[in-house]
């Protein structure tokens, strides 16, 4: 009889704003594991308190993950179960998680990822742009390689999704308008699922002016940009004309 290896590490998405968005399975897993690995133990501690869950917590974030991985692997290999959470959304998407998952898999330790909240999907669908094909770019390089990456994206035909911080959003919109064209349609979503949720859809130059005129911009931001329109070939036009006939 085949023995199924137990899951030792769970990637658990947490709400990006509205606490009602956590799944029943996520609540169960957080209540069953031995330890919760948190990007910020204060933030995740408030969530666990809201859920009436008491669990030992360890700090696991961008600045300590390389130091923590070996210690965590040793504990996991001894059979300890852990849930990895980020401050909001799915861990591993523009948040720590990849390194630990990779090392667990290399050692044959079973990892499960629960489905759940992530900011990029609602922002994409609210933009009204094509969702059949899209590319998630995460955060653009802050300095080195930024202009190079922007120029590479100029010919991208898929819908593009970016994460951006409030203090850089105007600069990013202005640079995208310069490289992709001021009339390229785009959409800015912030504070998704929260009380003051906002989505503004307009050409890049107009969005840049809109946000530049605000005194203070708050909240996590998702920027969605329509891809470059593909030019139709003579063969495509010929086919469409004969279909019409």
C-alpha atoms as a PDB file:
ATOM      1  CA  UNK A   1       0.000   0.000   0.000  1.00  0.00           C
ATOM      2  CA  UNK A   2       1.466   3.367  -1.063  1.00  0.00           C
ATOM      3  CA  UNK A   3       2.049   5.872   1.710  1.00  0.00           C
ATOM      4  CA  UNK A   4       1.239   9.472   0.840  1.00  0.00           C
ATOM      5  CA  UNK A   5       3.870  11.900   2.076  1.00  0.00           C
ATOM      6  CA  UNK A   6       2.444  14.521   4.435  1.00  0.00           C
ATOM      7  CA  UNK A   7       2.463  18.180   3.469  1.00  0.00           C
ATOM      8  CA  UNK A   8       5.028  20.034   5.564  1.00  0.00           C
ATOM      9  CA  UNK A   9       4.891  23.542   4.073  1.00  0.00           C
ATOM     10  CA  UNK A  10       1.706  25.370   3.084  1.00  0.00           C
ATOM     11  CA  UNK A  11       1.621  28.638   1.163  1.00  0.00           C
ATOM     12  CA  UNK A  12      -1.466  30.374   2.534  1.00  0.00           C
ATOM     13  CA  UNK A  13      -2.939  33.466   0.814  1.00  0.00           C
ATOM     14  CA  UNK A  14      -4.333  36.090   3.158  1.00  0.00           C
ATOM     15  CA  UNK A  15      -6.812  38.907   2.386  1.00  0.00           C
ATOM     16  CA  UNK A  16      -5.490  41.943   0.507  1.00  0.00           C
ATOM     17  CA  UNK A  17      -7.934  44.116   2.409  1.00  0.00           C
ATOM     18  CA  UNK A  18     -11.348  42.736   3.271  1.00  0.00           C
ATOM     19  CA  UNK A  19     -10.915  40.048   5.935  1.00  0.00           C
ATOM     20  CA  UNK A  20     -13.960  38.167   4.629  1.00  0.00           C
ATOM     21  CA  UNK A  21     -11.896  37.096   1.610  1.00  0.00           C
ATOM     22  CA  UNK A  22      -9.945  34.459   3.530  1.00  0.00           C
ATOM     23  CA  UNK A  23     -11.012  30.913   2.633  1.00  0.00           C
ATOM     24  CA  UNK A  24     -12.330  28.271   4.997  1.00  0.00           C
ATOM     25  CA  UNK A  25      -9.428  26.031   4.035  1.00  0.00           C
ATOM     26  CA  UNK A  26      -6.890  28.760   4.832  1.00  0.00           C
ATOM     27  CA  UNK A  27      -8.428  29.149   8.292  1.00  0.00           C
ATOM     28  CA  UNK A  28      -8.273  25.392   8.861  1.00  0.00           C
ATOM     29  CA  UNK A  29      -4.638  25.101   7.754  1.00  0.00           C
ATOM     30  CA  UNK A  30      -3.530  28.055   9.884  1.00  0.00           C
ATOM     31  CA  UNK A  31      -5.206  26.391  12.835  1.00  0.00           C
ATOM     32  CA  UNK A  32      -3.563  22.999  12.205  1.00  0.00           C
ATOM     33  CA  UNK A  33       0.082  23.803  11.435  1.00  0.00           C
ATOM     34  CA  UNK A  34       2.737  23.928  14.127  1.00  0.00           C
ATOM     35  CA  UNK A  35       4.233  27.281  13.114  1.00  0.00           C
ATOM     36  CA  UNK A  36       3.276  30.301  11.006  1.00  0.00           C
ATOM     37  CA  UNK A  37       6.022  32.037   9.013  1.00  0.00           C
ATOM     38  CA  UNK A  38       5.078  35.680   8.602  1.00  0.00           C
ATOM     39  CA  UNK A  39       6.487  38.571   6.589  1.00  0.00           C
ATOM     40  CA  UNK A  40       5.508  40.862   9.473  1.00  0.00           C
ATOM     41  CA  UNK A  41       4.491  39.088  12.679  1.00  0.00           C
ATOM     42  CA  UNK A  42       2.542  42.155  13.842  1.00  0.00           C
ATOM     43  CA  UNK A  43       0.375  42.261  10.721  1.00  0.00           C
ATOM     44  CA  UNK A  44      -0.193  38.502  10.616  1.00  0.00           C
ATOM     45  CA  UNK A  45      -0.661  38.429  14.374  1.00  0.00           C
ATOM     46  CA  UNK A  46      -3.654  40.737  14.054  1.00  0.00           C
ATOM     47  CA  UNK A  47      -5.158  38.443  11.423  1.00  0.00           C
ATOM     48  CA  UNK A  48      -4.670  35.338  13.584  1.00  0.00           C
ATOM     49  CA  UNK A  49      -6.181  37.163  16.535  1.00  0.00           C
ATOM     50  CA  UNK A  50      -9.199  38.083  14.381  1.00  0.00           C
ATOM     51  CA  UNK A  51      -9.549  34.389  13.480  1.00  0.00           C
ATOM     52  CA  UNK A  52      -9.119  33.304  17.131  1.00  0.00           C
ATOM     53  CA  UNK A  53      -6.034  31.283  16.201  1.00  0.00           C
ATOM     54  CA  UNK A  54      -3.051  31.080  18.537  1.00  0.00           C
ATOM     55  CA  UNK A  55       0.132  29.789  16.930  1.00  0.00           C
ATOM     56  CA  UNK A  56       3.876  30.298  17.349  1.00  0.00           C
ATOM     57  CA  UNK A  57       5.105  32.757  14.714  1.00  0.00           C
ATOM     58  CA  UNK A  58       8.490  33.253  13.071  1.00  0.00           C
ATOM     59  CA  UNK A  59       9.607  36.263  11.069  1.00  0.00           C
ATOM     60  CA  UNK A  60      10.392  35.385   7.448  1.00  0.00           C
ATOM     61  CA  UNK A  61      10.925  38.297   5.077  1.00  0.00           C
ATOM     62  CA  UNK A  62      13.094  39.635   2.262  1.00  0.00           C
ATOM     63  CA  UNK A  63      15.940  40.673   4.546  1.00  0.00           C
ATOM     64  CA  UNK A  64      16.335  37.435   6.517  1.00  0.00           C
ATOM     65  CA  UNK A  65      15.139  34.641   4.223  1.00  0.00           C
ATOM     66  CA  UNK A  66      18.641  33.509   3.218  1.00  0.00           C
ATOM     67  CA  UNK A  67      19.638  33.215   6.887  1.00  0.00           C
ATOM     68  CA  UNK A  68      16.391  31.493   7.874  1.00  0.00           C
ATOM     69  CA  UNK A  69      16.063  28.883   5.131  1.00  0.00           C
ATOM     70  CA  UNK A  70      18.564  26.354   6.478  1.00  0.00           C
ATOM     71  CA  UNK A  71      17.103  26.453   9.994  1.00  0.00           C
ATOM     72  CA  UNK A  72      13.572  26.070   8.657  1.00  0.00           C
ATOM     73  CA  UNK A  73      14.542  23.124   6.441  1.00  0.00           C
ATOM     74  CA  UNK A  74      16.014  21.311   9.429  1.00  0.00           C
ATOM     75  CA  UNK A  75      12.776  21.756  11.369  1.00  0.00           C
ATOM     76  CA  UNK A  76      10.627  20.710   8.409  1.00  0.00           C
ATOM     77  CA  UNK A  77      12.722  17.576   7.882  1.00  0.00           C
ATOM     78  CA  UNK A  78      11.956  16.603  11.470  1.00  0.00           C
ATOM     79  CA  UNK A  79       8.229  16.682  10.644  1.00  0.00           C
ATOM     80  CA  UNK A  80       7.221  20.165  11.814  1.00  0.00           C
ATOM     81  CA  UNK A  81       4.439  21.673   9.699  1.00  0.00           C
ATOM     82  CA  UNK A  82       4.505  25.331   8.699  1.00  0.00           C
ATOM     83  CA  UNK A  83       2.299  27.861   6.940  1.00  0.00           C
ATOM     84  CA  UNK A  84       3.957  30.704   5.051  1.00  0.00           C
ATOM     85  CA  UNK A  85       1.945  33.939   4.812  1.00  0.00           C
ATOM     86  CA  UNK A  86       2.737  37.421   3.539  1.00  0.00           C
ATOM     87  CA  UNK A  87       1.269  40.687   4.785  1.00  0.00           C
ATOM     88  CA  UNK A  88      -1.442  40.420   2.117  1.00  0.00           C
ATOM     89  CA  UNK A  89      -2.167  38.204  -0.861  1.00  0.00           C
ATOM     90  CA  UNK A  90      -0.345  35.082  -1.990  1.00  0.00           C
ATOM     91  CA  UNK A  91       3.194  34.550  -0.640  1.00  0.00           C
ATOM     92  CA  UNK A  92       5.830  34.254  -3.349  1.00  0.00           C
ATOM     93  CA  UNK A  93       4.215  36.823  -5.675  1.00  0.00           C
ATOM     94  CA  UNK A  94       6.444  39.894  -5.241  1.00  0.00           C
ATOM     95  CA  UNK A  95       6.946  38.630  -1.664  1.00  0.00           C
ATOM     96  CA  UNK A  96       9.362  36.133  -0.064  1.00  0.00           C
ATOM     97  CA  UNK A  97       8.631  32.446  -0.595  1.00  0.00           C
ATOM     98  CA  UNK A  98      10.367  31.248  -3.747  1.00  0.00           C
ATOM     99  CA  UNK A  99      13.666  30.368  -2.058  1.00  0.00           C
ATOM    100  CA  UNK A 100      12.088  28.249   0.686  1.00  0.00           C
ATOM    101  CA  UNK A 101       9.789  26.451  -1.761  1.00  0.00           C
ATOM    102  CA  UNK A 102      12.686  25.654  -4.110  1.00  0.00           C
ATOM    103  CA  UNK A 103      14.812  24.215  -1.316  1.00  0.00           C
ATOM    104  CA  UNK A 104      11.908  22.179   0.090  1.00  0.00           C
ATOM    105  CA  UNK A 105      11.248  20.621  -3.314  1.00  0.00           C
ATOM    106  CA  UNK A 106      14.960  19.889  -3.786  1.00  0.00           C
ATOM    107  CA  UNK A 107      14.892  17.892  -0.557  1.00  0.00           C
ATOM    108  CA  UNK A 108      11.691  16.054  -1.383  1.00  0.00           C
ATOM    109  CA  UNK A 109       9.581  17.912   1.181  1.00  0.00           C
ATOM    110  CA  UNK A 110       5.944  18.241   0.123  1.00  0.00           C
ATOM    111  CA  UNK A 111       4.653  21.761  -0.480  1.00  0.00           C
ATOM    112  CA  UNK A 112       1.060  22.838  -1.075  1.00  0.00           C
ATOM    113  CA  UNK A 113      -0.177  26.225  -2.246  1.00  0.00           C
ATOM    114  CA  UNK A 114      -3.751  27.166  -1.376  1.00  0.00           C
ATOM    115  CA  UNK A 115      -5.702  29.259  -3.893  1.00  0.00           C
ATOM    116  CA  UNK A 116      -6.800  32.630  -2.687  1.00  0.00           C
ATOM    117  CA  UNK A 117      -6.452  36.382  -2.725  1.00  0.00           C
ATOM    118  CA  UNK A 118      -4.046  38.195  -5.026  1.00  0.00           C
ATOM    119  CA  UNK A 119      -4.313  41.806  -6.161  1.00  0.00           C
ATOM    120  CA  UNK A 120      -3.371  41.327  -9.804  1.00  0.00           C
ATOM    121  CA  UNK A 121      -6.505  39.392 -10.864  1.00  0.00           C
ATOM    122  CA  UNK A 122      -9.215  41.848  -9.725  1.00  0.00           C
ATOM    123  CA  UNK A 123      -7.172  44.770 -11.084  1.00  0.00           C
ATOM    124  CA  UNK A 124      -6.820  43.030 -14.458  1.00  0.00           C
ATOM    125  CA  UNK A 125     -10.527  42.260 -14.732  1.00  0.00           C
ATOM    126  CA  UNK A 126     -11.584  45.733 -13.558  1.00  0.00           C
ATOM    127  CA  UNK A 127      -9.402  47.364 -16.225  1.00  0.00           C
ATOM    128  CA  UNK A 128     -11.642  46.109 -19.021  1.00  0.00           C
ATOM    129  CA  UNK A 129      -8.599  45.167 -21.106  1.00  0.00           C
ATOM    130  CA  UNK A 130      -8.047  41.732 -22.585  1.00  0.00           C
ATOM    131  CA  UNK A 131      -7.474  39.031 -19.983  1.00  0.00           C
ATOM    132  CA  UNK A 132      -7.003  36.149 -22.438  1.00  0.00           C
ATOM    133  CA  UNK A 133      -3.247  36.801 -22.586  1.00  0.00           C
ATOM    134  CA  UNK A 134      -1.395  38.916 -20.053  1.00  0.00           C
ATOM    135  CA  UNK A 135       2.044  39.283 -18.499  1.00  0.00           C
ATOM    136  CA  UNK A 136       2.703  39.994 -14.829  1.00  0.00           C
ATOM    137  CA  UNK A 137       5.752  42.241 -14.488  1.00  0.00           C
ATOM    138  CA  UNK A 138       5.655  42.815 -10.743  1.00  0.00           C
ATOM    139  CA  UNK A 139       7.739  45.828  -9.694  1.00  0.00           C
ATOM    140  CA  UNK A 140       9.820  47.514 -12.388  1.00  0.00           C
ATOM    141  CA  UNK A 141      13.530  47.926 -11.586  1.00  0.00           C
ATOM    142  CA  UNK A 142      13.941  51.032  -9.448  1.00  0.00           C
ATOM    143  CA  UNK A 143      17.175  52.255 -11.054  1.00  0.00           C
ATOM    144  CA  UNK A 144      19.487  49.910 -12.954  1.00  0.00           C
ATOM    145  CA  UNK A 145      17.804  48.322 -15.942  1.00  0.00           C
ATOM    146  CA  UNK A 146      14.591  50.339 -15.649  1.00  0.00           C
ATOM    147  CA  UNK A 147      14.797  52.131 -18.998  1.00  0.00           C
ATOM    148  CA  UNK A 148      15.937  48.953 -20.720  1.00  0.00           C
ATOM    149  CA  UNK A 149      12.938  47.041 -19.387  1.00  0.00           C
ATOM    150  CA  UNK A 150      10.519  49.799 -20.384  1.00  0.00           C
ATOM    151  CA  UNK A 151      11.852  49.774 -23.950  1.00  0.00           C
ATOM    152  CA  UNK A 152      11.546  45.981 -24.085  1.00  0.00           C
ATOM    153  CA  UNK A 153       7.876  46.287 -23.114  1.00  0.00           C
ATOM    154  CA  UNK A 154       7.109  48.792 -25.875  1.00  0.00           C
ATOM    155  CA  UNK A 155       6.382  45.977 -28.342  1.00  0.00           C
ATOM    156  CA  UNK A 156       4.485  43.773 -25.844  1.00  0.00           C
ATOM    157  CA  UNK A 157       1.064  42.867 -27.248  1.00  0.00           C
ATOM    158  CA  UNK A 158      -0.291  41.229 -24.093  1.00  0.00           C
ATOM    159  CA  UNK A 159      -1.957  43.186 -21.303  1.00  0.00           C
ATOM    160  CA  UNK A 160       0.748  44.177 -18.794  1.00  0.00           C
ATOM    161  CA  UNK A 161       0.312  44.189 -15.022  1.00  0.00           C
ATOM    162  CA  UNK A 162       2.638  46.009 -12.621  1.00  0.00           C
ATOM    163  CA  UNK A 163       2.804  46.512  -8.872  1.00  0.00           C
ATOM    164  CA  UNK A 164       3.860  49.995  -7.802  1.00  0.00           C
ATOM    165  CA  UNK A 165       4.291  52.036  -4.629  1.00  0.00           C
ATOM    166  CA  UNK A 166       2.374  55.270  -4.008  1.00  0.00           C
ATOM    167  CA  UNK A 167       5.506  57.444  -4.097  1.00  0.00           C
ATOM    168  CA  UNK A 168       6.649  56.073  -7.484  1.00  0.00           C
ATOM    169  CA  UNK A 169       3.356  55.738  -9.366  1.00  0.00           C
ATOM    170  CA  UNK A 170       3.480  59.197 -10.998  1.00  0.00           C
ATOM    171  CA  UNK A 171       7.047  58.682 -12.223  1.00  0.00           C
ATOM    172  CA  UNK A 172       6.145  55.257 -13.594  1.00  0.00           C
ATOM    173  CA  UNK A 173       3.075  56.570 -15.415  1.00  0.00           C
ATOM    174  CA  UNK A 174       5.104  59.414 -16.931  1.00  0.00           C
ATOM    175  CA  UNK A 175       7.868  57.074 -18.098  1.00  0.00           C
ATOM    176  CA  UNK A 176       5.405  54.588 -19.558  1.00  0.00           C
ATOM    177  CA  UNK A 177       3.645  57.418 -21.397  1.00  0.00           C
ATOM    178  CA  UNK A 178       6.982  58.492 -22.841  1.00  0.00           C
ATOM    179  CA  UNK A 179       7.955  54.997 -24.009  1.00  0.00           C
ATOM    180  CA  UNK A 180       4.577  53.454 -24.926  1.00  0.00           C
ATOM    181  CA  UNK A 181       2.855  56.650 -26.019  1.00  0.00           C
ATOM    182  CA  UNK A 182       0.675  59.123 -24.070  1.00  0.00           C
ATOM    183  CA  UNK A 183      -2.556  57.711 -25.529  1.00  0.00           C
ATOM    184  CA  UNK A 184      -1.933  54.079 -24.479  1.00  0.00           C
ATOM    185  CA  UNK A 185      -4.919  52.986 -22.350  1.00  0.00           C
ATOM    186  CA  UNK A 186      -4.110  52.037 -18.769  1.00  0.00           C
ATOM    187  CA  UNK A 187      -5.811  51.467 -15.427  1.00  0.00           C
ATOM    188  CA  UNK A 188      -4.700  52.213 -11.869  1.00  0.00           C
ATOM    189  CA  UNK A 189      -6.314  50.282  -9.003  1.00  0.00           C
ATOM    190  CA  UNK A 190      -5.549  50.987  -5.368  1.00  0.00           C
ATOM    191  CA  UNK A 191      -6.893  49.923  -1.983  1.00  0.00           C
ATOM    192  CA  UNK A 192      -8.529  46.885  -3.610  1.00  0.00           C
ATOM    193  CA  UNK A 193     -11.305  45.289  -1.494  1.00  0.00           C
ATOM    194  CA  UNK A 194     -10.972  48.083   1.086  1.00  0.00           C
ATOM    195  CA  UNK A 195     -13.402  50.862   2.031  1.00  0.00           C
ATOM    196  CA  UNK A 196     -11.827  53.464  -0.281  1.00  0.00           C
ATOM    197  CA  UNK A 197     -11.154  51.151  -3.234  1.00  0.00           C
ATOM    198  CA  UNK A 198     -10.538  53.092  -6.447  1.00  0.00           C
ATOM    199  CA  UNK A 199      -9.911  52.231 -10.098  1.00  0.00           C
ATOM    200  CA  UNK A 200      -9.151  54.946 -12.656  1.00  0.00           C
ATOM    201  CA  UNK A 201      -8.924  54.025 -16.347  1.00  0.00           C
ATOM    202  CA  UNK A 202      -7.584  56.528 -18.892  1.00  0.00           C
ATOM    203  CA  UNK A 203      -4.678  57.133 -21.314  1.00  0.00           C
ATOM    204  CA  UNK A 204      -1.254  57.029 -19.608  1.00  0.00           C
ATOM    205  CA  UNK A 205      -0.625  60.770 -19.879  1.00  0.00           C
ATOM    206  CA  UNK A 206      -4.019  61.558 -18.389  1.00  0.00           C
ATOM    207  CA  UNK A 207      -3.444  59.134 -15.514  1.00  0.00           C
ATOM    208  CA  UNK A 208      -0.038  60.688 -14.824  1.00  0.00           C
ATOM    209  CA  UNK A 209      -1.609  64.153 -14.620  1.00  0.00           C
ATOM    210  CA  UNK A 210      -4.452  62.858 -12.449  1.00  0.00           C
ATOM    211  CA  UNK A 211      -2.184  61.338  -9.805  1.00  0.00           C
ATOM    212  CA  UNK A 212       0.410  64.134 -10.004  1.00  0.00           C
ATOM    213  CA  UNK A 213      -2.331  66.547  -8.968  1.00  0.00           C
ATOM    214  CA  UNK A 214      -3.134  64.698  -5.746  1.00  0.00           C
ATOM    215  CA  UNK A 215      -1.745  65.814  -2.407  1.00  0.00           C
ATOM    216  CA  UNK A 216      -1.258  62.320  -1.039  1.00  0.00           C
ATOM    217  CA  UNK A 217      -1.556  58.892  -2.619  1.00  0.00           C
ATOM    218  CA  UNK A 218      -2.133  55.982  -0.277  1.00  0.00           C
ATOM    219  CA  UNK A 219      -2.523  52.236  -0.564  1.00  0.00           C
ATOM    220  CA  UNK A 220      -1.000  49.409  -2.566  1.00  0.00           C
ATOM    221  CA  UNK A 221      -1.262  50.028  -6.301  1.00  0.00           C
ATOM    222  CA  UNK A 222      -1.776  47.748  -9.298  1.00  0.00           C
ATOM    223  CA  UNK A 223      -1.172  49.278 -12.726  1.00  0.00           C
ATOM    224  CA  UNK A 224      -2.637  47.564 -15.798  1.00  0.00           C
ATOM    225  CA  UNK A 225      -1.541  48.694 -19.282  1.00  0.00           C
ATOM    226  CA  UNK A 226      -3.109  47.613 -22.543  1.00  0.00           C
ATOM    227  CA  UNK A 227      -0.694  45.838 -24.861  1.00  0.00           C
ATOM    228  CA  UNK A 228       0.342  47.182 -28.227  1.00  0.00           C
ATOM    229  CA  UNK A 229      -2.251  46.467 -30.894  1.00  0.00           C
ATOM    230  CA  UNK A 230      -1.041  43.816 -33.321  1.00  0.00           C
ATOM    231  CA  UNK A 231      -1.082  44.920 -36.940  1.00  0.00           C
ATOM    232  CA  UNK A 232      -3.341  42.760 -39.051  1.00  0.00           C
ATOM    233  CA  UNK A 233      -1.661  41.163 -42.044  1.00  0.00           C
ATOM    234  CA  UNK A 234      -2.997  41.219 -45.608  1.00  0.00           C
ATOM    235  CA  UNK A 235      -3.905  37.539 -45.177  1.00  0.00           C
ATOM    236  CA  UNK A 236      -6.017  38.364 -42.079  1.00  0.00           C
ATOM    237  CA  UNK A 237      -7.876  41.120 -43.927  1.00  0.00           C
ATOM    238  CA  UNK A 238      -8.424  38.887 -46.958  1.00  0.00           C
ATOM    239  CA  UNK A 239      -9.836  36.116 -44.720  1.00  0.00           C
ATOM    240  CA  UNK A 240     -12.200  38.542 -42.942  1.00  0.00           C
ATOM    241  CA  UNK A 241     -13.460  39.964 -46.224  1.00  0.00           C
ATOM    242  CA  UNK A 242     -14.290  36.516 -47.603  1.00  0.00           C
ATOM    243  CA  UNK A 243     -15.968  35.513 -44.340  1.00  0.00           C
ATOM    244  CA  UNK A 244     -18.235  38.527 -44.723  1.00  0.00           C
ATOM    245  CA  UNK A 245     -19.144  37.371 -48.220  1.00  0.00           C
END
